[in-house]
């Protein structure tokens, strides 16, 4: 019978199942299947993704392997990094800075208070502010950003009508078509943005691997701010990014036309500790 201790966490509405594999030693080959089944809404625990904390490999405090809800491997997750930073701090590494060894490269987390954490994401390894796409016979202008190596892909699209809009059929249709667009070889997360002020951005993100809009996306918020500051549509400095789940504060640090550091600050929530006993999950 399945018997796996877990912690449920969420950051700005992005929710995760966290498993400490340092002692469990579940083979890495089984986590994609576990993620797909355990993250399923209604029939199991349900989550946007599965985060596996394991022993570090090159001097960090923990290794993070992140799986999207569909079982695909994710390079990185911004809201997840804040949550895993808190998990590491509270469970085994009470240090001023937690070093997280992620697939996309090392990420750092700082505890600001019991629930608020600040992270330094991987810097953009690709930032193209003029990235036209052909969709249904028309050209759509967007920006394209990849964070880290291997790069986590984000498309950034400006709209003037996002405020007050729900996830309309039109927005969902566009997001699904762009998510698998031929110009994105490994797919992309799709970020719809509206500039409300020089230091305030409204955002809605359709996440690759979840295959739906989520309540927040930390890497999407950070990528969008970097792209829009590069074009001058947002002022350089801290920017408040309003996700449906909660606001995040994003601050890229620029050296000329290059982002050298990318900070995201926001809430975390320890929702529950428990034991996964789902009788429909068979790991073999």
C-alpha atoms as a PDB file:
ATOM      1  CA  UNK A   1       0.000   0.000   0.000  1.00  0.00           C
ATOM      2  CA  UNK A   2       1.223   3.493  -0.860  1.00  0.00           C
ATOM      3  CA  UNK A   3       2.487   5.321   2.225  1.00  0.00           C
ATOM      4  CA  UNK A   4       4.330   8.536   1.341  1.00  0.00           C
ATOM      5  CA  UNK A   5       4.655  11.479   3.774  1.00  0.00           C
ATOM      6  CA  UNK A   6       3.967  14.814   2.072  1.00  0.00           C
ATOM      7  CA  UNK A   7       3.533  18.507   2.738  1.00  0.00           C
ATOM      8  CA  UNK A   8       0.992  20.583   0.822  1.00  0.00           C
ATOM      9  CA  UNK A   9       2.109  24.162   0.199  1.00  0.00           C
ATOM     10  CA  UNK A  10       0.975  27.093  -1.886  1.00  0.00           C
ATOM     11  CA  UNK A  11       2.496  30.394  -2.887  1.00  0.00           C
ATOM     12  CA  UNK A  12       0.127  33.095  -4.177  1.00  0.00           C
ATOM     13  CA  UNK A  13      -2.320  30.330  -5.133  1.00  0.00           C
ATOM     14  CA  UNK A  14       0.195  28.158  -6.995  1.00  0.00           C
ATOM     15  CA  UNK A  15      -0.113  24.861  -5.079  1.00  0.00           C
ATOM     16  CA  UNK A  16       2.337  22.005  -4.673  1.00  0.00           C
ATOM     17  CA  UNK A  17       2.833  18.579  -3.174  1.00  0.00           C
ATOM     18  CA  UNK A  18       6.245  18.497  -1.480  1.00  0.00           C
ATOM     19  CA  UNK A  19       8.032  15.210  -0.818  1.00  0.00           C
ATOM     20  CA  UNK A  20      11.269  14.955   1.160  1.00  0.00           C
ATOM     21  CA  UNK A  21      13.137  12.213  -0.677  1.00  0.00           C
ATOM     22  CA  UNK A  22      16.352  12.429   1.319  1.00  0.00           C
ATOM     23  CA  UNK A  23      15.292   9.446   3.424  1.00  0.00           C
ATOM     24  CA  UNK A  24      12.441   8.003   1.339  1.00  0.00           C
ATOM     25  CA  UNK A  25      14.793   7.246  -1.575  1.00  0.00           C
ATOM     26  CA  UNK A  26      12.006   6.791  -4.104  1.00  0.00           C
ATOM     27  CA  UNK A  27      13.670   6.124  -7.493  1.00  0.00           C
ATOM     28  CA  UNK A  28      13.749   9.183  -9.741  1.00  0.00           C
ATOM     29  CA  UNK A  29      12.167   7.162 -12.544  1.00  0.00           C
ATOM     30  CA  UNK A  30       8.876   6.959 -10.620  1.00  0.00           C
ATOM     31  CA  UNK A  31       8.287  10.643  -9.882  1.00  0.00           C
ATOM     32  CA  UNK A  32       6.797  11.612 -13.249  1.00  0.00           C
ATOM     33  CA  UNK A  33       4.085   8.978 -12.813  1.00  0.00           C
ATOM     34  CA  UNK A  34       3.549   9.970  -9.183  1.00  0.00           C
ATOM     35  CA  UNK A  35       3.214  13.634 -10.151  1.00  0.00           C
ATOM     36  CA  UNK A  36       0.653  12.976 -12.867  1.00  0.00           C
ATOM     37  CA  UNK A  37      -1.522  10.862 -10.589  1.00  0.00           C
ATOM     38  CA  UNK A  38      -1.130  12.645  -7.245  1.00  0.00           C
ATOM     39  CA  UNK A  39      -1.586  16.126  -8.762  1.00  0.00           C
ATOM     40  CA  UNK A  40      -4.893  15.173 -10.406  1.00  0.00           C
ATOM     41  CA  UNK A  41      -7.710  17.350  -9.076  1.00  0.00           C
ATOM     42  CA  UNK A  42     -10.771  15.702  -7.505  1.00  0.00           C
ATOM     43  CA  UNK A  43      -9.396  12.137  -7.599  1.00  0.00           C
ATOM     44  CA  UNK A  44      -6.162  12.560  -5.612  1.00  0.00           C
ATOM     45  CA  UNK A  45      -4.393  15.265  -3.594  1.00  0.00           C
ATOM     46  CA  UNK A  46      -4.507  17.737  -6.464  1.00  0.00           C
ATOM     47  CA  UNK A  47      -1.854  20.357  -7.174  1.00  0.00           C
ATOM     48  CA  UNK A  48      -0.212  22.381  -9.918  1.00  0.00           C
ATOM     49  CA  UNK A  49       2.976  20.409  -9.437  1.00  0.00           C
ATOM     50  CA  UNK A  50       5.102  18.007  -7.400  1.00  0.00           C
ATOM     51  CA  UNK A  51       8.309  19.198  -5.746  1.00  0.00           C
ATOM     52  CA  UNK A  52      10.871  16.600  -4.699  1.00  0.00           C
ATOM     53  CA  UNK A  53      13.472  17.736  -2.172  1.00  0.00           C
ATOM     54  CA  UNK A  54      16.618  15.606  -2.283  1.00  0.00           C
ATOM     55  CA  UNK A  55      20.237  15.658  -1.156  1.00  0.00           C
ATOM     56  CA  UNK A  56      22.272  18.444  -2.825  1.00  0.00           C
ATOM     57  CA  UNK A  57      24.941  17.510  -5.348  1.00  0.00           C
ATOM     58  CA  UNK A  58      27.289  20.524  -5.404  1.00  0.00           C
ATOM     59  CA  UNK A  59      27.209  22.324  -2.070  1.00  0.00           C
ATOM     60  CA  UNK A  60      23.653  23.647  -1.930  1.00  0.00           C
ATOM     61  CA  UNK A  61      21.163  23.054   0.862  1.00  0.00           C
ATOM     62  CA  UNK A  62      18.809  20.881  -1.174  1.00  0.00           C
ATOM     63  CA  UNK A  63      18.240  19.627  -4.676  1.00  0.00           C
ATOM     64  CA  UNK A  64      14.833  20.452  -6.165  1.00  0.00           C
ATOM     65  CA  UNK A  65      13.320  18.353  -8.913  1.00  0.00           C
ATOM     66  CA  UNK A  66      10.040  19.855 -10.093  1.00  0.00           C
ATOM     67  CA  UNK A  67       7.342  18.018 -12.035  1.00  0.00           C
ATOM     68  CA  UNK A  68       4.342  19.713 -13.609  1.00  0.00           C
ATOM     69  CA  UNK A  69       0.890  18.352 -12.933  1.00  0.00           C
ATOM     70  CA  UNK A  70       0.911  16.440 -16.221  1.00  0.00           C
ATOM     71  CA  UNK A  71       4.031  14.532 -15.186  1.00  0.00           C
ATOM     72  CA  UNK A  72       6.471  16.522 -17.335  1.00  0.00           C
ATOM     73  CA  UNK A  73       9.745  17.737 -15.853  1.00  0.00           C
ATOM     74  CA  UNK A  74       9.851  21.466 -15.193  1.00  0.00           C
ATOM     75  CA  UNK A  75      13.085  23.430 -15.357  1.00  0.00           C
ATOM     76  CA  UNK A  76      12.086  25.673 -12.484  1.00  0.00           C
ATOM     77  CA  UNK A  77       9.083  27.141 -10.620  1.00  0.00           C
ATOM     78  CA  UNK A  78       9.218  30.577  -9.011  1.00  0.00           C
ATOM     79  CA  UNK A  79       6.397  30.215  -6.510  1.00  0.00           C
ATOM     80  CA  UNK A  80       7.626  26.700  -5.863  1.00  0.00           C
ATOM     81  CA  UNK A  81      11.123  28.008  -5.102  1.00  0.00           C
ATOM     82  CA  UNK A  82       9.768  30.287  -2.385  1.00  0.00           C
ATOM     83  CA  UNK A  83       7.820  27.358  -0.928  1.00  0.00           C
ATOM     84  CA  UNK A  84      10.737  24.920  -1.083  1.00  0.00           C
ATOM     85  CA  UNK A  85      12.949  27.607   0.423  1.00  0.00           C
ATOM     86  CA  UNK A  86      10.612  27.801   3.398  1.00  0.00           C
ATOM     87  CA  UNK A  87      10.364  23.998   3.537  1.00  0.00           C
ATOM     88  CA  UNK A  88      14.139  23.715   3.654  1.00  0.00           C
ATOM     89  CA  UNK A  89      14.489  26.468   6.248  1.00  0.00           C
ATOM     90  CA  UNK A  90      11.865  25.064   8.618  1.00  0.00           C
ATOM     91  CA  UNK A  91      12.668  21.373   8.254  1.00  0.00           C
ATOM     92  CA  UNK A  92      16.447  21.052   8.105  1.00  0.00           C
ATOM     93  CA  UNK A  93      18.465  24.144   7.126  1.00  0.00           C
ATOM     94  CA  UNK A  94      17.814  27.232   9.221  1.00  0.00           C
ATOM     95  CA  UNK A  95      20.215  29.527   7.379  1.00  0.00           C
ATOM     96  CA  UNK A  96      19.965  33.185   6.272  1.00  0.00           C
ATOM     97  CA  UNK A  97      20.086  32.030   2.641  1.00  0.00           C
ATOM     98  CA  UNK A  98      18.879  28.693   1.300  1.00  0.00           C
ATOM     99  CA  UNK A  99      20.625  27.485  -1.867  1.00  0.00           C
ATOM    100  CA  UNK A 100      18.319  25.436  -4.076  1.00  0.00           C
ATOM    101  CA  UNK A 101      19.905  23.260  -6.764  1.00  0.00           C
ATOM    102  CA  UNK A 102      17.265  23.350  -9.514  1.00  0.00           C
ATOM    103  CA  UNK A 103      17.293  21.816 -12.977  1.00  0.00           C
ATOM    104  CA  UNK A 104      17.732  25.278 -14.533  1.00  0.00           C
ATOM    105  CA  UNK A 105      20.589  26.210 -12.174  1.00  0.00           C
ATOM    106  CA  UNK A 106      20.992  27.352  -8.578  1.00  0.00           C
ATOM    107  CA  UNK A 107      18.272  29.550  -7.079  1.00  0.00           C
ATOM    108  CA  UNK A 108      18.478  31.337  -3.721  1.00  0.00           C
ATOM    109  CA  UNK A 109      15.811  31.954  -1.077  1.00  0.00           C
ATOM    110  CA  UNK A 110      15.742  34.327   1.905  1.00  0.00           C
ATOM    111  CA  UNK A 111      13.269  34.268   4.802  1.00  0.00           C
ATOM    112  CA  UNK A 112      11.846  37.761   5.337  1.00  0.00           C
ATOM    113  CA  UNK A 113       9.342  36.664   7.970  1.00  0.00           C
ATOM    114  CA  UNK A 114       7.424  33.500   8.854  1.00  0.00           C
ATOM    115  CA  UNK A 115       5.442  33.459   5.607  1.00  0.00           C
ATOM    116  CA  UNK A 116       7.151  35.832   3.196  1.00  0.00           C
ATOM    117  CA  UNK A 117      10.177  34.710   1.188  1.00  0.00           C
ATOM    118  CA  UNK A 118      12.380  36.377  -1.396  1.00  0.00           C
ATOM    119  CA  UNK A 119      14.100  34.407  -4.143  1.00  0.00           C
ATOM    120  CA  UNK A 120      16.745  35.140  -6.743  1.00  0.00           C
ATOM    121  CA  UNK A 121      15.744  33.294  -9.899  1.00  0.00           C
ATOM    122  CA  UNK A 122      17.999  32.230 -12.740  1.00  0.00           C
ATOM    123  CA  UNK A 123      18.794  35.221 -14.922  1.00  0.00           C
ATOM    124  CA  UNK A 124      17.433  35.378 -18.482  1.00  0.00           C
ATOM    125  CA  UNK A 125      19.613  33.401 -20.879  1.00  0.00           C
ATOM    126  CA  UNK A 126      17.415  34.580 -23.750  1.00  0.00           C
ATOM    127  CA  UNK A 127      15.402  37.815 -23.892  1.00  0.00           C
ATOM    128  CA  UNK A 128      13.885  38.810 -27.223  1.00  0.00           C
ATOM    129  CA  UNK A 129      11.535  41.773 -27.029  1.00  0.00           C
ATOM    130  CA  UNK A 130      10.483  41.512 -30.683  1.00  0.00           C
ATOM    131  CA  UNK A 131       9.240  37.984 -31.309  1.00  0.00           C
ATOM    132  CA  UNK A 132       6.396  38.015 -33.875  1.00  0.00           C
ATOM    133  CA  UNK A 133       4.210  34.919 -34.194  1.00  0.00           C
ATOM    134  CA  UNK A 134       1.824  33.907 -36.967  1.00  0.00           C
ATOM    135  CA  UNK A 135      -1.505  32.810 -35.489  1.00  0.00           C
ATOM    136  CA  UNK A 136      -4.650  32.139 -37.539  1.00  0.00           C
ATOM    137  CA  UNK A 137      -3.281  34.158 -40.441  1.00  0.00           C
ATOM    138  CA  UNK A 138      -2.392  37.231 -38.354  1.00  0.00           C
ATOM    139  CA  UNK A 139       0.841  38.420 -36.770  1.00  0.00           C
ATOM    140  CA  UNK A 140       0.876  38.583 -32.982  1.00  0.00           C
ATOM    141  CA  UNK A 141       3.650  40.610 -31.377  1.00  0.00           C
ATOM    142  CA  UNK A 142       5.124  39.248 -28.196  1.00  0.00           C
ATOM    143  CA  UNK A 143       8.385  38.962 -26.281  1.00  0.00           C
ATOM    144  CA  UNK A 144      10.156  35.704 -25.550  1.00  0.00           C
ATOM    145  CA  UNK A 145      12.197  34.948 -22.428  1.00  0.00           C
ATOM    146  CA  UNK A 146      14.069  31.902 -21.177  1.00  0.00           C
ATOM    147  CA  UNK A 147      15.313  31.734 -17.593  1.00  0.00           C
ATOM    148  CA  UNK A 148      18.312  29.587 -16.690  1.00  0.00           C
ATOM    149  CA  UNK A 149      19.931  26.719 -18.543  1.00  0.00           C
ATOM    150  CA  UNK A 150      18.111  24.672 -19.707  1.00  0.00           C
ATOM    151  CA  UNK A 151      15.859  27.665 -20.239  1.00  0.00           C
ATOM    152  CA  UNK A 152      12.348  27.925 -18.831  1.00  0.00           C
ATOM    153  CA  UNK A 153      10.326  29.412 -21.744  1.00  0.00           C
ATOM    154  CA  UNK A 154       7.867  32.293 -21.414  1.00  0.00           C
ATOM    155  CA  UNK A 155       5.978  34.288 -24.044  1.00  0.00           C
ATOM    156  CA  UNK A 156       4.807  37.768 -22.996  1.00  0.00           C
ATOM    157  CA  UNK A 157       1.819  39.409 -24.713  1.00  0.00           C
ATOM    158  CA  UNK A 158       0.458  42.876 -23.961  1.00  0.00           C
ATOM    159  CA  UNK A 159      -3.294  43.516 -23.850  1.00  0.00           C
ATOM    160  CA  UNK A 160      -5.325  46.593 -22.969  1.00  0.00           C
ATOM    161  CA  UNK A 161      -8.459  44.742 -21.871  1.00  0.00           C
ATOM    162  CA  UNK A 162      -7.171  42.316 -19.244  1.00  0.00           C
ATOM    163  CA  UNK A 163      -8.442  44.213 -16.213  1.00  0.00           C
ATOM    164  CA  UNK A 164     -11.790  42.779 -15.171  1.00  0.00           C
ATOM    165  CA  UNK A 165     -11.573  39.993 -17.735  1.00  0.00           C
ATOM    166  CA  UNK A 166     -12.134  36.414 -16.667  1.00  0.00           C
ATOM    167  CA  UNK A 167     -10.607  33.465 -18.473  1.00  0.00           C
ATOM    168  CA  UNK A 168     -12.736  33.962 -21.539  1.00  0.00           C
ATOM    169  CA  UNK A 169     -13.008  31.424 -24.317  1.00  0.00           C
ATOM    170  CA  UNK A 170     -11.043  33.827 -26.514  1.00  0.00           C
ATOM    171  CA  UNK A 171      -8.131  34.128 -24.096  1.00  0.00           C
ATOM    172  CA  UNK A 172      -8.042  30.385 -23.464  1.00  0.00           C
ATOM    173  CA  UNK A 173      -8.141  29.613 -27.179  1.00  0.00           C
ATOM    174  CA  UNK A 174      -5.224  31.957 -27.892  1.00  0.00           C
ATOM    175  CA  UNK A 175      -3.216  30.566 -24.978  1.00  0.00           C
ATOM    176  CA  UNK A 176      -3.670  26.950 -26.024  1.00  0.00           C
ATOM    177  CA  UNK A 177      -2.662  27.650 -29.605  1.00  0.00           C
ATOM    178  CA  UNK A 178       0.408  29.654 -28.603  1.00  0.00           C
ATOM    179  CA  UNK A 179       1.495  27.212 -25.913  1.00  0.00           C
ATOM    180  CA  UNK A 180       2.235  24.639 -28.649  1.00  0.00           C
ATOM    181  CA  UNK A 181       3.272  27.091 -31.366  1.00  0.00           C
ATOM    182  CA  UNK A 182       5.871  25.813 -33.838  1.00  0.00           C
ATOM    183  CA  UNK A 183       8.237  28.663 -32.909  1.00  0.00           C
ATOM    184  CA  UNK A 184       8.441  27.276 -29.361  1.00  0.00           C
ATOM    185  CA  UNK A 185      10.291  23.947 -29.815  1.00  0.00           C
ATOM    186  CA  UNK A 186       9.581  22.832 -26.248  1.00  0.00           C
ATOM    187  CA  UNK A 187       6.363  24.773 -25.795  1.00  0.00           C
ATOM    188  CA  UNK A 188       6.012  27.908 -23.713  1.00  0.00           C
ATOM    189  CA  UNK A 189       4.155  29.422 -20.799  1.00  0.00           C
ATOM    190  CA  UNK A 190       1.862  32.178 -22.081  1.00  0.00           C
ATOM    191  CA  UNK A 191       1.658  35.438 -20.101  1.00  0.00           C
ATOM    192  CA  UNK A 192      -1.036  38.003 -20.902  1.00  0.00           C
ATOM    193  CA  UNK A 193      -0.124  41.365 -19.370  1.00  0.00           C
ATOM    194  CA  UNK A 194      -1.637  44.807 -18.903  1.00  0.00           C
ATOM    195  CA  UNK A 195       0.461  47.721 -17.659  1.00  0.00           C
ATOM    196  CA  UNK A 196      -1.574  49.531 -14.988  1.00  0.00           C
ATOM    197  CA  UNK A 197       1.204  51.937 -13.956  1.00  0.00           C
ATOM    198  CA  UNK A 198       4.956  52.237 -14.548  1.00  0.00           C
ATOM    199  CA  UNK A 199       5.472  50.029 -11.476  1.00  0.00           C
ATOM    200  CA  UNK A 200       2.328  47.898 -11.555  1.00  0.00           C
ATOM    201  CA  UNK A 201       1.546  44.988 -13.889  1.00  0.00           C
ATOM    202  CA  UNK A 202      -1.585  42.860 -14.207  1.00  0.00           C
ATOM    203  CA  UNK A 203      -0.927  39.305 -15.417  1.00  0.00           C
ATOM    204  CA  UNK A 204      -2.712  36.078 -16.322  1.00  0.00           C
ATOM    205  CA  UNK A 205      -0.544  33.023 -17.056  1.00  0.00           C
ATOM    206  CA  UNK A 206      -1.389  29.838 -18.929  1.00  0.00           C
ATOM    207  CA  UNK A 207       1.153  27.322 -17.672  1.00  0.00           C
ATOM    208  CA  UNK A 208       2.789  24.643 -19.737  1.00  0.00           C
ATOM    209  CA  UNK A 209       2.495  21.326 -17.904  1.00  0.00           C
ATOM    210  CA  UNK A 210      -0.623  22.403 -16.028  1.00  0.00           C
ATOM    211  CA  UNK A 211      -2.327  23.122 -19.373  1.00  0.00           C
ATOM    212  CA  UNK A 212      -4.535  25.781 -17.877  1.00  0.00           C
ATOM    213  CA  UNK A 213      -4.416  29.199 -16.274  1.00  0.00           C
ATOM    214  CA  UNK A 214      -3.018  29.155 -12.743  1.00  0.00           C
ATOM    215  CA  UNK A 215      -3.617  31.556  -9.878  1.00  0.00           C
ATOM    216  CA  UNK A 216      -0.025  32.765 -10.077  1.00  0.00           C
ATOM    217  CA  UNK A 217       3.252  32.130 -11.879  1.00  0.00           C
ATOM    218  CA  UNK A 218       6.454  33.421 -10.319  1.00  0.00           C
ATOM    219  CA  UNK A 219       8.729  32.840 -13.301  1.00  0.00           C
ATOM    220  CA  UNK A 220       6.041  34.257 -15.606  1.00  0.00           C
ATOM    221  CA  UNK A 221       5.766  37.392 -13.494  1.00  0.00           C
ATOM    222  CA  UNK A 222       9.540  37.806 -13.448  1.00  0.00           C
ATOM    223  CA  UNK A 223       9.959  37.138 -17.181  1.00  0.00           C
ATOM    224  CA  UNK A 224       7.191  39.582 -18.052  1.00  0.00           C
ATOM    225  CA  UNK A 225       8.637  42.380 -15.927  1.00  0.00           C
ATOM    226  CA  UNK A 226      12.098  41.862 -17.422  1.00  0.00           C
ATOM    227  CA  UNK A 227      10.727  41.931 -20.980  1.00  0.00           C
ATOM    228  CA  UNK A 228       8.568  45.015 -20.399  1.00  0.00           C
ATOM    229  CA  UNK A 229      11.332  46.912 -18.597  1.00  0.00           C
ATOM    230  CA  UNK A 230      13.608  46.136 -21.548  1.00  0.00           C
ATOM    231  CA  UNK A 231      11.150  47.897 -23.869  1.00  0.00           C
ATOM    232  CA  UNK A 232      10.500  50.795 -21.480  1.00  0.00           C
ATOM    233  CA  UNK A 233       6.851  49.898 -20.926  1.00  0.00           C
ATOM    234  CA  UNK A 234       7.617  49.419 -17.231  1.00  0.00           C
ATOM    235  CA  UNK A 235       9.989  51.558 -15.190  1.00  0.00           C
ATOM    236  CA  UNK A 236      13.148  49.886 -13.972  1.00  0.00           C
ATOM    237  CA  UNK A 237      13.048  49.067 -10.285  1.00  0.00           C
ATOM    238  CA  UNK A 238      10.577  47.049  -8.177  1.00  0.00           C
ATOM    239  CA  UNK A 239       7.264  46.229  -9.869  1.00  0.00           C
ATOM    240  CA  UNK A 240       4.096  44.960  -8.231  1.00  0.00           C
ATOM    241  CA  UNK A 241       2.660  42.102 -10.294  1.00  0.00           C
ATOM    242  CA  UNK A 242      -1.006  41.338  -9.639  1.00  0.00           C
ATOM    243  CA  UNK A 243      -1.765  37.664 -10.173  1.00  0.00           C
ATOM    244  CA  UNK A 244      -5.260  36.301  -9.457  1.00  0.00           C
ATOM    245  CA  UNK A 245      -3.910  34.480  -6.378  1.00  0.00           C
ATOM    246  CA  UNK A 246      -1.905  37.339  -4.840  1.00  0.00           C
ATOM    247  CA  UNK A 247       0.537  40.104  -5.637  1.00  0.00           C
ATOM    248  CA  UNK A 248       4.227  39.424  -6.158  1.00  0.00           C
ATOM    249  CA  UNK A 249       7.046  41.957  -6.075  1.00  0.00           C
ATOM    250  CA  UNK A 250       9.524  41.560  -8.912  1.00  0.00           C
ATOM    251  CA  UNK A 251      12.825  43.407  -9.149  1.00  0.00           C
ATOM    252  CA  UNK A 252      15.248  42.780 -12.009  1.00  0.00           C
ATOM    253  CA  UNK A 253      18.744  44.178 -11.507  1.00  0.00           C
ATOM    254  CA  UNK A 254      20.125  45.595 -14.745  1.00  0.00           C
ATOM    255  CA  UNK A 255      23.679  46.118 -15.960  1.00  0.00           C
ATOM    256  CA  UNK A 256      23.161  48.043 -19.162  1.00  0.00           C
ATOM    257  CA  UNK A 257      20.799  45.965 -21.286  1.00  0.00           C
ATOM    258  CA  UNK A 258      21.372  42.739 -19.349  1.00  0.00           C
ATOM    259  CA  UNK A 259      19.521  41.390 -16.286  1.00  0.00           C
ATOM    260  CA  UNK A 260      22.114  40.168 -13.803  1.00  0.00           C
ATOM    261  CA  UNK A 261      19.768  39.278 -10.931  1.00  0.00           C
ATOM    262  CA  UNK A 262      16.036  38.613 -10.849  1.00  0.00           C
ATOM    263  CA  UNK A 263      14.307  38.853  -7.483  1.00  0.00           C
ATOM    264  CA  UNK A 264      10.743  37.773  -6.644  1.00  0.00           C
ATOM    265  CA  UNK A 265       9.139  38.323  -3.237  1.00  0.00           C
ATOM    266  CA  UNK A 266       5.825  36.888  -2.131  1.00  0.00           C
ATOM    267  CA  UNK A 267       3.830  34.777   0.323  1.00  0.00           C
ATOM    268  CA  UNK A 268       4.051  31.103   1.206  1.00  0.00           C
ATOM    269  CA  UNK A 269       1.559  28.894   3.021  1.00  0.00           C
ATOM    270  CA  UNK A 270       2.095  25.569   4.785  1.00  0.00           C
ATOM    271  CA  UNK A 271      -1.320  24.049   4.085  1.00  0.00           C
ATOM    272  CA  UNK A 272      -1.031  20.520   5.467  1.00  0.00           C
ATOM    273  CA  UNK A 273       1.223  17.634   6.419  1.00  0.00           C
ATOM    274  CA  UNK A 274      -0.055  14.158   5.780  1.00  0.00           C
ATOM    275  CA  UNK A 275       0.457  10.743   4.265  1.00  0.00           C
ATOM    276  CA  UNK A 276      -0.413   9.924   0.670  1.00  0.00           C
ATOM    277  CA  UNK A 277      -2.248   6.587   0.621  1.00  0.00           C
ATOM    278  CA  UNK A 278      -4.044   6.900  -2.729  1.00  0.00           C
ATOM    279  CA  UNK A 279      -5.138   3.342  -3.592  1.00  0.00           C
ATOM    280  CA  UNK A 280      -5.248   4.129  -7.304  1.00  0.00           C
ATOM    281  CA  UNK A 281      -1.540   4.962  -7.484  1.00  0.00           C
ATOM    282  CA  UNK A 282       0.729   2.015  -8.148  1.00  0.00           C
ATOM    283  CA  UNK A 283       4.435   2.816  -8.352  1.00  0.00           C
ATOM    284  CA  UNK A 284       6.437   0.125 -10.112  1.00  0.00           C
END
